[in-house]
Structures are given as C-alpha cells and as structure tokens.
Amino acid sequence: MTRKAVVGIGILTFLSVALSSATADVRRERTQRRPDVLEIGDPYPISLRILGREASHITEMRSYVATYGPPDYAEIQEVAPQWPWESYEVRLYYMRRNLETDFGHAFVSPTLPNFGVLKYQSDIPPDKRHQIEIILQARQEPAPAPAPQPVARPAVQPETEDARMEALVARIEAAAARAEQAANKAAEDSEAAVRAADRTSTILETLSESPPPSTPAHRARQHR
C-alpha cells in the first residue's frame, strides 16, 4: 500500500468519526405527543417578519393567522423529511387560548407550490409554556441603561517660564491701564471743581457790585 493511499484512508477515517460525533450531538427525538415525527435539533424562535414569509407558502397557516391574529410566540422545528412534507414545521403558540398549532409545507403538485396545512393542534405542554413565558418576559423588560462613562479631562500642561513672564506682563499692563483711568477721572473731577468755583466767584462779584433794590421807605428818607 502506498503512502498516499494510507494518508487517504486516514483522512476518510477521521472525517467519518467527526461526522458521527457531530451527528451524535444533535438532538433526534420522537415525543409522546408527536410519535410520527422525528424532531432534529432544538427549535428556534422566529420573528413576525419571518412568520409572514413562511405563511406566504403555507396556505392554511396564512388563513389561520388572518382569522385568529398573529401568535404570541412562533418557532421552527426541523424534522426528518417524510414525503410529501417539508423538512421543518412552523409552530405557533397562543398563550391566552393555551393552544399550539403546527403547520407544514407539502409538495403536492407543481401547480400548487404554496400548499401547506395544519399538521397538529393541542394544548401547550406545561414545560413549553413556562419556557415561552420566560422568553416573552425577557422581551418586555427594558434593556439596562449603559453605565455613565467618566468624562475625560484635558491634561494640564506644566507652566513654562515664558508663560509665567507673559502672565506677569499682562497683569502689570492691566494694572497700569486701571491706574491711568483713575488718574484721568481724578483730573476730570478736579477741572470740574475749578470750573464750579469760578462760576461761584463770578456770581458773588456780580451781586456785590449791583445797587441795593429801591424800596418805598428808602425813597421817603431821600425826600426828607
């Protein structure tokens, strides 16, 4: 036997063992409720959008949803294919009515590509109902608010000698400007005071030079 043949046999043996191990890990079960159906793997939930897409080619399910409304919960369960059925079922759960309805697509005729019927209907099993209630409650709970992130503060740069000198010069210039403004204000106040004093002196001099007013008594003394 050549080396290539030995390597090929080894690869085929490894692949066979790997596939057998993967198949063994996948759930394959016939339940007491549906002994005629071999379920493969665990069911997975679907959204209303996917449910609408599935209903487009399962005629009886489309009519059922149109009559009774969308379910509270829907899922897909893969099953072993049995002609004429598709290899999966769409299962609807109505919690208030405690009702499970399982639909499947069937290959009947090329002229009926979207034919599908109700395959099974019964009460929701207690363990399945509990599982759905937990899922629905988790969907209704609001998502936790994100934790507040610390605000990044800008790093304080060390003050250089040039920066300190510039700040000192700016303070000196500001002080000089304030002193100049104060001096100008004082000068303006002093000039205003001098002008007021001059006006007062002028008024007093004018009053002193004016003759006293002429009264009747004064005129009578002058005639005597």
C-alpha atoms as a PDB file:
ATOM      1  CA  MET A   1       0.000   0.000   0.000  1.00  0.00           C
ATOM      2  CA  THR A   2       1.420   3.344  -0.990  1.00  0.00           C
ATOM      3  CA  ARG A   3       1.917   6.255   1.352  1.00  0.00           C
ATOM      4  CA  LYS A   4      -0.764   8.323  -0.443  1.00  0.00           C
ATOM      5  CA  ALA A   5      -3.282   5.537  -0.006  1.00  0.00           C
ATOM      6  CA  VAL A   6      -2.536   5.328   3.725  1.00  0.00           C
ATOM      7  CA  VAL A   7      -2.938   9.081   4.103  1.00  0.00           C
ATOM      8  CA  GLY A   8      -6.229   8.986   2.174  1.00  0.00           C
ATOM      9  CA  ILE A   9      -7.618   6.191   4.335  1.00  0.00           C
ATOM     10  CA  GLY A  10      -6.601   8.107   7.458  1.00  0.00           C
ATOM     11  CA  ILE A  11      -8.384  11.258   6.269  1.00  0.00           C
ATOM     12  CA  LEU A  12     -11.541   9.330   5.407  1.00  0.00           C
ATOM     13  CA  THR A  13     -11.491   7.614   8.800  1.00  0.00           C
ATOM     14  CA  PHE A  14     -11.076  10.963  10.581  1.00  0.00           C
ATOM     15  CA  LEU A  15     -13.933  12.546   8.637  1.00  0.00           C
ATOM     16  CA  SER A  16     -16.181   9.564   9.324  1.00  0.00           C
ATOM     17  CA  VAL A  17     -15.513   9.754  13.061  1.00  0.00           C
ATOM     18  CA  ALA A  18     -16.001  13.555  13.102  1.00  0.00           C
ATOM     19  CA  LEU A  19     -19.313  13.311  11.263  1.00  0.00           C
ATOM     20  CA  SER A  20     -20.507  10.539  13.564  1.00  0.00           C
ATOM     21  CA  SER A  21     -19.585  12.600  16.616  1.00  0.00           C
ATOM     22  CA  ALA A  22     -21.361  15.704  15.237  1.00  0.00           C
ATOM     23  CA  THR A  23     -24.454  13.649  14.417  1.00  0.00           C
ATOM     24  CA  ALA A  24     -24.467  12.168  17.909  1.00  0.00           C
ATOM     25  CA  ASP A  25     -24.504  15.658  19.453  1.00  0.00           C
ATOM     26  CA  VAL A  26     -27.605  16.706  17.503  1.00  0.00           C
ATOM     27  CA  ARG A  27     -30.931  16.048  19.230  1.00  0.00           C
ATOM     28  CA  ARG A  28     -33.065  13.441  17.450  1.00  0.00           C
ATOM     29  CA  GLU A  29     -36.277  12.665  19.308  1.00  0.00           C
ATOM     30  CA  ARG A  30     -39.785  11.352  18.826  1.00  0.00           C
ATOM     31  CA  THR A  31     -42.005  12.854  21.523  1.00  0.00           C
ATOM     32  CA  GLN A  32     -45.043  11.184  23.030  1.00  0.00           C
ATOM     33  CA  ARG A  33     -47.201  13.949  21.644  1.00  0.00           C
ATOM     34  CA  ARG A  34     -45.851  13.527  18.094  1.00  0.00           C
ATOM     35  CA  PRO A  35     -44.545   9.949  17.774  1.00  0.00           C
ATOM     36  CA  ASP A  36     -44.909  10.090  13.995  1.00  0.00           C
ATOM     37  CA  VAL A  37     -42.450  12.988  13.677  1.00  0.00           C
ATOM     38  CA  LEU A  38     -38.704  12.739  14.273  1.00  0.00           C
ATOM     39  CA  GLU A  39     -37.522  16.104  15.588  1.00  0.00           C
ATOM     40  CA  ILE A  40     -33.947  17.055  14.717  1.00  0.00           C
ATOM     41  CA  GLY A  41     -32.168  19.629  16.831  1.00  0.00           C
ATOM     42  CA  ASP A  42     -33.787  22.197  19.095  1.00  0.00           C
ATOM     43  CA  PRO A  43     -36.476  24.579  17.838  1.00  0.00           C
ATOM     44  CA  TYR A  44     -35.559  28.234  17.319  1.00  0.00           C
ATOM     45  CA  PRO A  45     -37.828  31.300  17.567  1.00  0.00           C
ATOM     46  CA  ILE A  46     -38.763  33.378  14.534  1.00  0.00           C
ATOM     47  CA  SER A  47     -39.937  36.968  14.195  1.00  0.00           C
ATOM     48  CA  LEU A  48     -43.267  38.126  12.791  1.00  0.00           C
ATOM     49  CA  ARG A  49     -41.468  39.117   9.590  1.00  0.00           C
ATOM     50  CA  ILE A  50     -40.165  35.581   9.059  1.00  0.00           C
ATOM     51  CA  LEU A  51     -43.566  34.201  10.072  1.00  0.00           C
ATOM     52  CA  GLY A  52     -45.166  36.246   7.301  1.00  0.00           C
ATOM     53  CA  ARG A  53     -42.653  34.910   4.811  1.00  0.00           C
ATOM     54  CA  GLU A  54     -43.403  31.322   5.854  1.00  0.00           C
ATOM     55  CA  ALA A  55     -47.144  31.961   5.704  1.00  0.00           C
ATOM     56  CA  SER A  56     -46.786  33.063   2.084  1.00  0.00           C
ATOM     57  CA  HIS A  57     -46.202  29.435   1.010  1.00  0.00           C
ATOM     58  CA  ILE A  58     -48.243  27.600   3.676  1.00  0.00           C
ATOM     59  CA  THR A  59     -51.794  28.390   2.617  1.00  0.00           C
ATOM     60  CA  GLU A  60     -53.661  27.083   5.653  1.00  0.00           C
ATOM     61  CA  MET A  61     -51.364  28.870   8.094  1.00  0.00           C
ATOM     62  CA  ARG A  62     -51.879  32.136   6.221  1.00  0.00           C
ATOM     63  CA  SER A  63     -55.648  31.764   6.569  1.00  0.00           C
ATOM     64  CA  TYR A  64     -55.327  30.788  10.237  1.00  0.00           C
ATOM     65  CA  VAL A  65     -53.240  33.834  11.150  1.00  0.00           C
ATOM     66  CA  ALA A  66     -55.589  36.083   9.202  1.00  0.00           C
ATOM     67  CA  THR A  67     -58.510  34.688  11.230  1.00  0.00           C
ATOM     68  CA  TYR A  68     -57.022  34.449  14.734  1.00  0.00           C
ATOM     69  CA  GLY A  69     -54.251  37.038  14.569  1.00  0.00           C
ATOM     70  CA  PRO A  70     -50.504  36.644  14.999  1.00  0.00           C
ATOM     71  CA  PRO A  71     -49.352  34.246  17.728  1.00  0.00           C
ATOM     72  CA  ASP A  72     -47.666  35.254  20.975  1.00  0.00           C
ATOM     73  CA  TYR A  73     -44.704  33.092  20.060  1.00  0.00           C
ATOM     74  CA  ALA A  74     -43.589  31.244  16.925  1.00  0.00           C
ATOM     75  CA  GLU A  75     -40.745  28.853  16.208  1.00  0.00           C
ATOM     76  CA  ILE A  76     -39.377  26.478  13.598  1.00  0.00           C
ATOM     77  CA  GLN A  77     -38.639  22.842  14.375  1.00  0.00           C
ATOM     78  CA  GLU A  78     -36.608  20.829  11.895  1.00  0.00           C
ATOM     79  CA  VAL A  79     -37.924  17.305  11.319  1.00  0.00           C
ATOM     80  CA  ALA A  80     -36.856  14.264   9.353  1.00  0.00           C
ATOM     81  CA  PRO A  81     -38.346  14.673   5.875  1.00  0.00           C
ATOM     82  CA  GLN A  82     -41.283  12.409   5.069  1.00  0.00           C
ATOM     83  CA  TRP A  83     -42.746  12.813   1.612  1.00  0.00           C
ATOM     84  CA  PRO A  84     -44.693  14.944   0.799  1.00  0.00           C
ATOM     85  CA  TRP A  85     -43.785  17.087   3.832  1.00  0.00           C
ATOM     86  CA  GLU A  86     -41.063  19.728   4.025  1.00  0.00           C
ATOM     87  CA  SER A  87     -38.188  19.040   6.434  1.00  0.00           C
ATOM     88  CA  TYR A  88     -39.414  21.522   9.049  1.00  0.00           C
ATOM     89  CA  GLU A  89     -42.589  22.670  10.798  1.00  0.00           C
ATOM     90  CA  VAL A  90     -43.751  26.148  11.803  1.00  0.00           C
ATOM     91  CA  ARG A  91     -45.266  26.044  15.280  1.00  0.00           C
ATOM     92  CA  LEU A  92     -47.496  28.826  16.627  1.00  0.00           C
ATOM     93  CA  TYR A  93     -48.348  29.342  20.305  1.00  0.00           C
ATOM     94  CA  TYR A  94     -51.346  31.320  21.557  1.00  0.00           C
ATOM     95  CA  MET A  95     -50.867  31.812  25.306  1.00  0.00           C
ATOM     96  CA  ARG A  96     -54.338  33.139  26.225  1.00  0.00           C
ATOM     97  CA  ARG A  97     -56.004  30.274  24.372  1.00  0.00           C
ATOM     98  CA  ASN A  98     -53.301  27.817  25.597  1.00  0.00           C
ATOM     99  CA  LEU A  99     -53.079  26.472  22.073  1.00  0.00           C
ATOM    100  CA  GLU A 100     -50.236  25.084  19.952  1.00  0.00           C
ATOM    101  CA  THR A 101     -50.726  24.775  16.194  1.00  0.00           C
ATOM    102  CA  ASP A 102     -48.100  23.111  13.961  1.00  0.00           C
ATOM    103  CA  PHE A 103     -48.097  23.736  10.220  1.00  0.00           C
ATOM    104  CA  GLY A 104     -46.102  22.163   7.411  1.00  0.00           C
ATOM    105  CA  HIS A 105     -45.495  22.706   3.723  1.00  0.00           C
ATOM    106  CA  ALA A 106     -46.373  19.825   1.435  1.00  0.00           C
ATOM    107  CA  PHE A 107     -45.204  19.027  -2.112  1.00  0.00           C
ATOM    108  CA  VAL A 108     -48.500  18.148  -3.797  1.00  0.00           C
ATOM    109  CA  SER A 109     -48.217  19.434  -7.339  1.00  0.00           C
ATOM    110  CA  PRO A 110     -46.127  21.896  -9.339  1.00  0.00           C
ATOM    111  CA  THR A 111     -49.334  23.842  -9.829  1.00  0.00           C
ATOM    112  CA  LEU A 112     -49.629  24.241  -6.019  1.00  0.00           C
ATOM    113  CA  PRO A 113     -46.178  25.384  -4.918  1.00  0.00           C
ATOM    114  CA  ASN A 114     -47.502  27.162  -1.797  1.00  0.00           C
ATOM    115  CA  PHE A 115     -49.694  24.418  -0.405  1.00  0.00           C
ATOM    116  CA  GLY A 116     -49.496  23.793   3.362  1.00  0.00           C
ATOM    117  CA  VAL A 117     -51.841  22.521   6.059  1.00  0.00           C
ATOM    118  CA  LEU A 118     -52.290  22.221   9.810  1.00  0.00           C
ATOM    119  CA  LYS A 119     -50.440  19.054  10.884  1.00  0.00           C
ATOM    120  CA  TYR A 120     -51.079  19.118  14.639  1.00  0.00           C
ATOM    121  CA  GLN A 121     -53.063  21.073  17.245  1.00  0.00           C
ATOM    122  CA  SER A 122     -53.186  20.669  21.031  1.00  0.00           C
ATOM    123  CA  ASP A 123     -52.780  22.382  24.393  1.00  0.00           C
ATOM    124  CA  ILE A 124     -49.369  23.863  25.175  1.00  0.00           C
ATOM    125  CA  PRO A 125     -47.350  21.488  27.391  1.00  0.00           C
ATOM    126  CA  PRO A 126     -46.640  22.979  30.864  1.00  0.00           C
ATOM    127  CA  ASP A 127     -42.855  22.910  30.449  1.00  0.00           C
ATOM    128  CA  LYS A 128     -43.107  24.538  26.999  1.00  0.00           C
ATOM    129  CA  ARG A 129     -45.489  27.171  28.320  1.00  0.00           C
ATOM    130  CA  HIS A 130     -43.081  28.014  31.150  1.00  0.00           C
ATOM    131  CA  GLN A 131     -40.233  28.323  28.658  1.00  0.00           C
ATOM    132  CA  ILE A 132     -42.247  30.669  26.435  1.00  0.00           C
ATOM    133  CA  GLU A 133     -43.328  32.823  29.397  1.00  0.00           C
ATOM    134  CA  ILE A 134     -39.687  33.352  30.353  1.00  0.00           C
ATOM    135  CA  ILE A 135     -38.797  34.350  26.779  1.00  0.00           C
ATOM    136  CA  LEU A 136     -41.749  36.749  26.475  1.00  0.00           C
ATOM    137  CA  GLN A 137     -40.944  38.355  29.833  1.00  0.00           C
ATOM    138  CA  ALA A 138     -37.326  38.876  28.774  1.00  0.00           C
ATOM    139  CA  ARG A 139     -38.523  40.570  25.567  1.00  0.00           C
ATOM    140  CA  GLN A 140     -40.695  43.023  27.519  1.00  0.00           C
ATOM    141  CA  GLU A 141     -38.039  44.037  30.048  1.00  0.00           C
ATOM    142  CA  PRO A 142     -36.191  47.203  29.036  1.00  0.00           C
ATOM    143  CA  ALA A 143     -32.516  46.907  28.353  1.00  0.00           C
ATOM    144  CA  PRO A 144     -30.328  48.144  31.216  1.00  0.00           C
ATOM    145  CA  ALA A 145     -29.094  51.688  30.815  1.00  0.00           C
ATOM    146  CA  PRO A 146     -25.417  51.923  29.959  1.00  0.00           C
ATOM    147  CA  ALA A 147     -23.159  52.889  32.815  1.00  0.00           C
ATOM    148  CA  PRO A 148     -22.085  56.549  32.698  1.00  0.00           C
ATOM    149  CA  GLN A 149     -18.641  56.928  31.251  1.00  0.00           C
ATOM    150  CA  PRO A 150     -16.161  59.176  33.056  1.00  0.00           C
ATOM    151  CA  VAL A 151     -15.590  62.481  31.304  1.00  0.00           C
ATOM    152  CA  ALA A 152     -12.052  62.738  30.086  1.00  0.00           C
ATOM    153  CA  ARG A 153     -10.458  65.939  31.315  1.00  0.00           C
ATOM    154  CA  PRO A 154      -7.736  67.572  29.271  1.00  0.00           C
ATOM    155  CA  ALA A 155      -4.307  67.059  30.670  1.00  0.00           C
ATOM    156  CA  VAL A 156      -2.907  70.130  32.417  1.00  0.00           C
ATOM    157  CA  GLN A 157       0.300  71.184  30.752  1.00  0.00           C
ATOM    158  CA  PRO A 158       3.088  72.373  33.064  1.00  0.00           C
ATOM    159  CA  GLU A 159       3.504  76.162  33.065  1.00  0.00           C
ATOM    160  CA  THR A 160       6.726  77.235  31.406  1.00  0.00           C
ATOM    161  CA  GLU A 161       8.924  80.211  32.357  1.00  0.00           C
ATOM    162  CA  ASP A 162       7.869  82.129  29.238  1.00  0.00           C
ATOM    163  CA  ALA A 163       4.196  81.597  30.082  1.00  0.00           C
ATOM    164  CA  ARG A 164       4.730  82.910  33.616  1.00  0.00           C
ATOM    165  CA  MET A 165       6.517  86.010  32.297  1.00  0.00           C
ATOM    166  CA  GLU A 166       3.728  86.669  29.778  1.00  0.00           C
ATOM    167  CA  ALA A 167       1.109  86.382  32.515  1.00  0.00           C
ATOM    168  CA  LEU A 168       3.083  88.776  34.755  1.00  0.00           C
ATOM    169  CA  VAL A 169       3.450  91.354  31.975  1.00  0.00           C
ATOM    170  CA  ALA A 170      -0.287  91.101  31.236  1.00  0.00           C
ATOM    171  CA  ARG A 171      -1.132  91.755  34.904  1.00  0.00           C
ATOM    172  CA  ILE A 172       1.241  94.765  35.024  1.00  0.00           C
ATOM    173  CA  GLU A 173      -0.235  96.237  31.852  1.00  0.00           C
ATOM    174  CA  ALA A 174      -3.767  95.764  33.194  1.00  0.00           C
ATOM    175  CA  ALA A 175      -2.828  97.474  36.460  1.00  0.00           C
ATOM    176  CA  ALA A 176      -1.210 100.392  34.563  1.00  0.00           C
ATOM    177  CA  ALA A 177      -4.340 100.799  32.442  1.00  0.00           C
ATOM    178  CA  ARG A 178      -6.529 100.925  35.566  1.00  0.00           C
ATOM    179  CA  ALA A 179      -4.212 103.490  37.180  1.00  0.00           C
ATOM    180  CA  GLU A 180      -4.313 105.672  34.070  1.00  0.00           C
ATOM    181  CA  GLN A 181      -8.103 105.546  34.026  1.00  0.00           C
ATOM    182  CA  ALA A 182      -8.217 106.554  37.693  1.00  0.00           C
ATOM    183  CA  ALA A 183      -5.818 109.470  37.099  1.00  0.00           C
ATOM    184  CA  ASN A 184      -7.868 110.725  34.167  1.00  0.00           C
ATOM    185  CA  LYS A 185     -11.014 110.522  36.267  1.00  0.00           C
ATOM    186  CA  ALA A 186      -9.404 112.475  39.088  1.00  0.00           C
ATOM    187  CA  ALA A 187      -8.183 115.145  36.669  1.00  0.00           C
ATOM    188  CA  GLU A 188     -11.643 115.486  35.177  1.00  0.00           C
ATOM    189  CA  ASP A 189     -13.173 115.818  38.654  1.00  0.00           C
ATOM    190  CA  SER A 190     -10.580 118.465  39.607  1.00  0.00           C
ATOM    191  CA  GLU A 191     -11.242 120.543  36.489  1.00  0.00           C
ATOM    192  CA  ALA A 192     -14.979 120.323  37.129  1.00  0.00           C
ATOM    193  CA  ALA A 193     -14.443 121.556  40.692  1.00  0.00           C
ATOM    194  CA  VAL A 194     -12.316 124.537  39.486  1.00  0.00           C
ATOM    195  CA  ARG A 195     -14.950 125.498  36.952  1.00  0.00           C
ATOM    196  CA  ALA A 196     -17.675 125.331  39.613  1.00  0.00           C
ATOM    197  CA  ALA A 197     -15.602 127.543  41.961  1.00  0.00           C
ATOM    198  CA  ASP A 198     -15.030 130.095  39.195  1.00  0.00           C
ATOM    199  CA  ARG A 199     -18.740 130.272  38.479  1.00  0.00           C
ATOM    200  CA  THR A 200     -19.473 130.794  42.175  1.00  0.00           C
ATOM    201  CA  SER A 201     -16.913 133.651  42.453  1.00  0.00           C
ATOM    202  CA  THR A 202     -18.316 135.354  39.379  1.00  0.00           C
ATOM    203  CA  ILE A 203     -21.827 135.226  40.783  1.00  0.00           C
ATOM    204  CA  LEU A 204     -20.713 136.719  44.134  1.00  0.00           C
ATOM    205  CA  GLU A 205     -18.827 139.544  42.476  1.00  0.00           C
ATOM    206  CA  THR A 206     -21.803 140.381  40.322  1.00  0.00           C
ATOM    207  CA  LEU A 207     -24.066 140.553  43.351  1.00  0.00           C
ATOM    208  CA  SER A 208     -21.688 142.806  45.311  1.00  0.00           C
ATOM    209  CA  GLU A 209     -21.408 145.359  42.513  1.00  0.00           C
ATOM    210  CA  SER A 210     -25.155 145.665  41.928  1.00  0.00           C
ATOM    211  CA  PRO A 211     -27.030 148.612  43.760  1.00  0.00           C
ATOM    212  CA  PRO A 212     -29.431 147.655  46.501  1.00  0.00           C
ATOM    213  CA  PRO A 213     -33.051 147.424  45.483  1.00  0.00           C
ATOM    214  CA  SER A 214     -35.212 150.614  45.744  1.00  0.00           C
ATOM    215  CA  THR A 215     -37.892 150.302  48.440  1.00  0.00           C
ATOM    216  CA  PRO A 216     -40.670 152.828  49.430  1.00  0.00           C
ATOM    217  CA  ALA A 217     -39.015 153.526  52.812  1.00  0.00           C
ATOM    218  CA  HIS A 218     -35.707 154.264  51.196  1.00  0.00           C
ATOM    219  CA  ARG A 219     -37.351 156.715  48.764  1.00  0.00           C
ATOM    220  CA  ALA A 220     -39.124 158.529  51.619  1.00  0.00           C
ATOM    221  CA  ARG A 221     -35.833 159.138  53.519  1.00  0.00           C
ATOM    222  CA  GLN A 222     -34.268 160.513  50.405  1.00  0.00           C
ATOM    223  CA  HIS A 223     -37.069 163.197  50.035  1.00  0.00           C
ATOM    224  CA  ARG A 224     -36.640 164.441  53.588  1.00  0.00           C
END
